[in-house]
Amino acid sequence: MKATEAAERAVEQLATLSGRTAQAVTGIERTDDGWRVRVEVLELERIPHSTDVLAEYAVDLDGDGDLTSYRRVRRYTRGASRED
């Protein structure tokens, strides 16, 4: 499976399980068992949009592209500076 396919599968499966819409794929890496994809999600829409609450999720997929786990790794407001 190509990285682009893994990213698409991660976004689709995360949306199905969480009911939230992905804003972006922020990272992807191949693992021994498949792929780990980082997905940015809008968790709470606010006005002004600079105060929206976003979260980044780590989504693990097996070699076939099936989700094996996901977890929120950080939560932040859209206007906050990003610390890596």
N, C-alpha and C. Protein backbone atom coordinates (compact mmCIF):
# COMPACT_ATOMS: atom_id res chain seq x y z
N MET A 1 0.84 -1.17 0.00
CA MET A 1 0.00 0.00 0.00
C MET A 1 0.89 1.24 0.00
N LYS A 2 0.55 2.20 -0.85
CA LYS A 2 1.29 3.45 -0.93
C LYS A 2 0.92 4.38 0.22
N ALA A 3 1.79 5.33 0.48
CA ALA A 3 1.56 6.29 1.57
C ALA A 3 0.27 7.10 1.35
N THR A 4 0.01 7.48 0.12
CA THR A 4 -1.20 8.26 -0.15
C THR A 4 -2.46 7.45 0.14
N GLU A 5 -2.43 6.17 -0.18
CA GLU A 5 -3.56 5.30 0.12
C GLU A 5 -3.74 5.12 1.62
N ALA A 6 -2.62 4.97 2.33
CA ALA A 6 -2.68 4.82 3.78
C ALA A 6 -3.27 6.08 4.42
N ALA A 7 -2.87 7.24 3.94
CA ALA A 7 -3.39 8.50 4.49
C ALA A 7 -4.90 8.60 4.26
N GLU A 8 -5.35 8.26 3.07
CA GLU A 8 -6.78 8.31 2.76
C GLU A 8 -7.56 7.34 3.65
N ARG A 9 -7.05 6.14 3.83
CA ARG A 9 -7.72 5.14 4.67
C ARG A 9 -7.78 5.60 6.11
N ALA A 10 -6.70 6.20 6.61
CA ALA A 10 -6.67 6.68 7.99
C ALA A 10 -7.72 7.77 8.20
N VAL A 11 -7.80 8.72 7.27
CA VAL A 11 -8.78 9.81 7.38
C VAL A 11 -10.20 9.26 7.37
N GLU A 12 -10.48 8.35 6.44
CA GLU A 12 -11.82 7.77 6.34
C GLU A 12 -12.22 7.02 7.60
N GLN A 13 -11.33 6.17 8.08
CA GLN A 13 -11.65 5.34 9.24
C GLN A 13 -11.75 6.16 10.52
N LEU A 14 -10.89 7.17 10.67
CA LEU A 14 -10.97 8.03 11.84
C LEU A 14 -12.29 8.80 11.84
N ALA A 15 -12.70 9.30 10.68
CA ALA A 15 -13.97 10.03 10.57
C ALA A 15 -15.14 9.12 10.94
N THR A 16 -15.11 7.89 10.48
CA THR A 16 -16.19 6.95 10.79
C THR A 16 -16.28 6.67 12.29
N LEU A 17 -15.16 6.47 12.93
CA LEU A 17 -15.16 6.14 14.35
C LEU A 17 -15.41 7.35 15.25
N SER A 18 -14.85 8.49 14.89
CA SER A 18 -14.94 9.66 15.77
C SER A 18 -16.10 10.59 15.42
N GLY A 19 -16.57 10.51 14.19
CA GLY A 19 -17.62 11.42 13.75
C GLY A 19 -17.11 12.83 13.48
N ARG A 20 -15.81 13.00 13.41
CA ARG A 20 -15.21 14.31 13.19
C ARG A 20 -14.55 14.39 11.81
N THR A 21 -14.46 15.60 11.29
CA THR A 21 -13.90 15.82 9.96
C THR A 21 -12.42 16.17 10.05
N ALA A 22 -11.61 15.51 9.24
CA ALA A 22 -10.18 15.80 9.21
C ALA A 22 -9.93 17.13 8.52
N GLN A 23 -8.99 17.89 9.05
CA GLN A 23 -8.56 19.13 8.44
C GLN A 23 -7.33 18.91 7.56
N ALA A 24 -6.45 18.00 8.00
CA ALA A 24 -5.22 17.76 7.26
C ALA A 24 -4.52 16.50 7.76
N VAL A 25 -3.72 15.90 6.90
CA VAL A 25 -2.78 14.87 7.32
C VAL A 25 -1.48 15.60 7.61
N THR A 26 -0.99 15.47 8.83
CA THR A 26 0.19 16.23 9.23
C THR A 26 1.46 15.40 9.26
N GLY A 27 1.33 14.09 9.09
CA GLY A 27 2.51 13.25 9.05
C GLY A 27 2.14 11.81 8.74
N ILE A 28 3.12 11.09 8.19
CA ILE A 28 2.91 9.67 7.89
C ILE A 28 4.26 8.98 7.95
N GLU A 29 4.25 7.77 8.50
CA GLU A 29 5.49 6.99 8.53
C GLU A 29 5.15 5.50 8.46
N ARG A 30 6.02 4.79 7.80
CA ARG A 30 5.86 3.34 7.73
C ARG A 30 6.37 2.74 9.04
N THR A 31 5.64 1.77 9.55
CA THR A 31 6.04 1.07 10.76
C THR A 31 6.30 -0.39 10.40
N ASP A 32 6.74 -1.18 11.37
CA ASP A 32 6.98 -2.60 11.13
C ASP A 32 5.70 -3.32 10.73
N ASP A 33 4.55 -2.85 11.26
CA ASP A 33 3.28 -3.52 11.03
C ASP A 33 2.40 -2.87 9.98
N GLY A 34 2.78 -1.69 9.48
CA GLY A 34 1.94 -1.00 8.51
C GLY A 34 2.29 0.48 8.42
N TRP A 35 1.37 1.33 8.89
CA TRP A 35 1.55 2.78 8.80
C TRP A 35 1.06 3.47 10.06
N ARG A 36 1.70 4.59 10.39
CA ARG A 36 1.20 5.51 11.42
C ARG A 36 0.96 6.84 10.72
N VAL A 37 -0.27 7.33 10.81
CA VAL A 37 -0.67 8.56 10.15
C VAL A 37 -1.12 9.55 11.22
N ARG A 38 -0.62 10.78 11.14
CA ARG A 38 -1.08 11.84 12.04
C ARG A 38 -2.10 12.69 11.30
N VAL A 39 -3.25 12.86 11.95
CA VAL A 39 -4.38 13.55 11.31
C VAL A 39 -4.84 14.68 12.23
N GLU A 40 -4.96 15.88 11.65
CA GLU A 40 -5.49 17.03 12.39
C GLU A 40 -7.00 17.08 12.18
N VAL A 41 -7.74 17.22 13.29
CA VAL A 41 -9.20 17.15 13.28
C VAL A 41 -9.78 18.38 13.96
N LEU A 42 -10.87 18.89 13.42
CA LEU A 42 -11.62 19.98 14.07
C LEU A 42 -12.51 19.36 15.13
N GLU A 43 -12.26 19.67 16.40
CA GLU A 43 -13.06 19.10 17.48
C GLU A 43 -14.18 20.02 17.93
N LEU A 44 -13.96 21.33 17.86
CA LEU A 44 -14.98 22.28 18.30
C LEU A 44 -14.85 23.55 17.49
N GLU A 45 -15.90 23.86 16.73
CA GLU A 45 -15.89 25.07 15.91
C GLU A 45 -16.39 26.25 16.74
N ARG A 46 -15.65 27.34 16.69
CA ARG A 46 -16.00 28.54 17.45
C ARG A 46 -15.94 29.76 16.56
N ILE A 47 -16.48 30.86 17.07
CA ILE A 47 -16.37 32.15 16.39
C ILE A 47 -15.63 33.07 17.35
N PRO A 48 -14.54 33.68 16.94
CA PRO A 48 -13.90 33.59 15.62
C PRO A 48 -13.19 32.25 15.44
N HIS A 49 -12.95 31.89 14.18
CA HIS A 49 -12.35 30.59 13.86
C HIS A 49 -10.96 30.42 14.44
N SER A 50 -10.31 31.52 14.76
CA SER A 50 -8.97 31.41 15.35
C SER A 50 -9.02 30.77 16.73
N THR A 51 -10.21 30.64 17.31
CA THR A 51 -10.35 29.99 18.62
C THR A 51 -10.93 28.57 18.51
N ASP A 52 -11.07 28.04 17.27
CA ASP A 52 -11.51 26.65 17.09
C ASP A 52 -10.58 25.72 17.88
N VAL A 53 -11.13 24.62 18.35
CA VAL A 53 -10.32 23.62 19.05
C VAL A 53 -10.01 22.50 18.06
N LEU A 54 -8.72 22.27 17.86
CA LEU A 54 -8.22 21.23 16.96
C LEU A 54 -7.53 20.15 17.79
N ALA A 55 -7.40 18.99 17.20
CA ALA A 55 -6.65 17.91 17.85
C ALA A 55 -5.87 17.17 16.79
N GLU A 56 -4.76 16.60 17.22
CA GLU A 56 -3.97 15.75 16.34
C GLU A 56 -4.08 14.31 16.85
N TYR A 57 -4.42 13.42 15.94
CA TYR A 57 -4.58 12.00 16.26
C TYR A 57 -3.49 11.19 15.57
N ALA A 58 -3.00 10.17 16.26
CA ALA A 58 -2.10 9.19 15.67
C ALA A 58 -2.96 7.98 15.33
N VAL A 59 -3.00 7.62 14.06
CA VAL A 59 -3.81 6.52 13.57
C VAL A 59 -2.88 5.43 13.06
N ASP A 60 -3.00 4.24 13.62
CA ASP A 60 -2.17 3.11 13.19
C ASP A 60 -2.98 2.20 12.29
N LEU A 61 -2.37 1.85 11.15
CA LEU A 61 -2.99 0.94 10.18
C LEU A 61 -2.10 -0.28 10.00
N ASP A 62 -2.73 -1.43 9.76
CA ASP A 62 -1.94 -2.61 9.44
C ASP A 62 -1.53 -2.57 7.97
N GLY A 63 -0.87 -3.61 7.50
CA GLY A 63 -0.38 -3.64 6.13
C GLY A 63 -1.47 -3.61 5.08
N ASP A 64 -2.69 -3.98 5.46
CA ASP A 64 -3.82 -3.96 4.53
C ASP A 64 -4.58 -2.64 4.56
N GLY A 65 -4.17 -1.73 5.45
CA GLY A 65 -4.84 -0.44 5.54
C GLY A 65 -5.99 -0.40 6.52
N ASP A 66 -6.13 -1.45 7.33
CA ASP A 66 -7.19 -1.47 8.33
C ASP A 66 -6.70 -0.85 9.63
N LEU A 67 -7.55 -0.05 10.24
CA LEU A 67 -7.20 0.64 11.47
C LEU A 67 -7.00 -0.36 12.60
N THR A 68 -5.88 -0.25 13.29
CA THR A 68 -5.62 -1.11 14.44
C THR A 68 -5.71 -0.32 15.75
N SER A 69 -5.47 1.00 15.68
CA SER A 69 -5.63 1.84 16.87
C SER A 69 -5.60 3.30 16.46
N TYR A 70 -6.16 4.13 17.34
CA TYR A 70 -6.01 5.57 17.19
C TYR A 70 -6.07 6.21 18.56
N ARG A 71 -5.41 7.35 18.69
CA ARG A 71 -5.42 8.07 19.96
C ARG A 71 -5.14 9.55 19.70
N ARG A 72 -5.72 10.38 20.54
CA ARG A 72 -5.45 11.81 20.45
C ARG A 72 -4.12 12.07 21.13
N VAL A 73 -3.23 12.74 20.41
CA VAL A 73 -1.90 13.00 20.98
C VAL A 73 -1.75 14.44 21.47
N ARG A 74 -2.60 15.34 20.95
CA ARG A 74 -2.60 16.70 21.50
C ARG A 74 -3.86 17.43 21.07
N ARG A 75 -4.21 18.44 21.87
CA ARG A 75 -5.39 19.26 21.60
C ARG A 75 -4.98 20.71 21.81
N TYR A 76 -5.47 21.61 20.95
CA TYR A 76 -5.00 23.00 20.98
C TYR A 76 -5.99 23.89 20.25
N THR A 77 -5.89 25.19 20.46
CA THR A 77 -6.72 26.12 19.71
C THR A 77 -6.01 26.48 18.41
N ARG A 78 -6.80 26.77 17.40
CA ARG A 78 -6.25 27.06 16.08
C ARG A 78 -5.24 28.22 16.14
N GLY A 79 -5.48 29.22 16.96
CA GLY A 79 -4.61 30.38 17.04
C GLY A 79 -3.35 30.18 17.86
N ALA A 80 -3.22 29.02 18.53
CA ALA A 80 -2.05 28.77 19.38
C ALA A 80 -0.84 28.44 18.52
N SER A 81 0.33 28.88 19.02
CA SER A 81 1.55 28.50 18.30
C SER A 81 1.81 27.03 18.52
N ARG A 82 2.37 26.39 17.52
CA ARG A 82 2.59 24.95 17.57
C ARG A 82 3.97 24.64 18.14
N GLU A 83 4.00 23.73 19.11
CA GLU A 83 5.26 23.28 19.67
C GLU A 83 5.45 21.83 19.30
N ASP A 84 6.54 21.50 18.67
CA ASP A 84 6.82 20.10 18.28
C ASP A 84 7.79 19.46 19.23
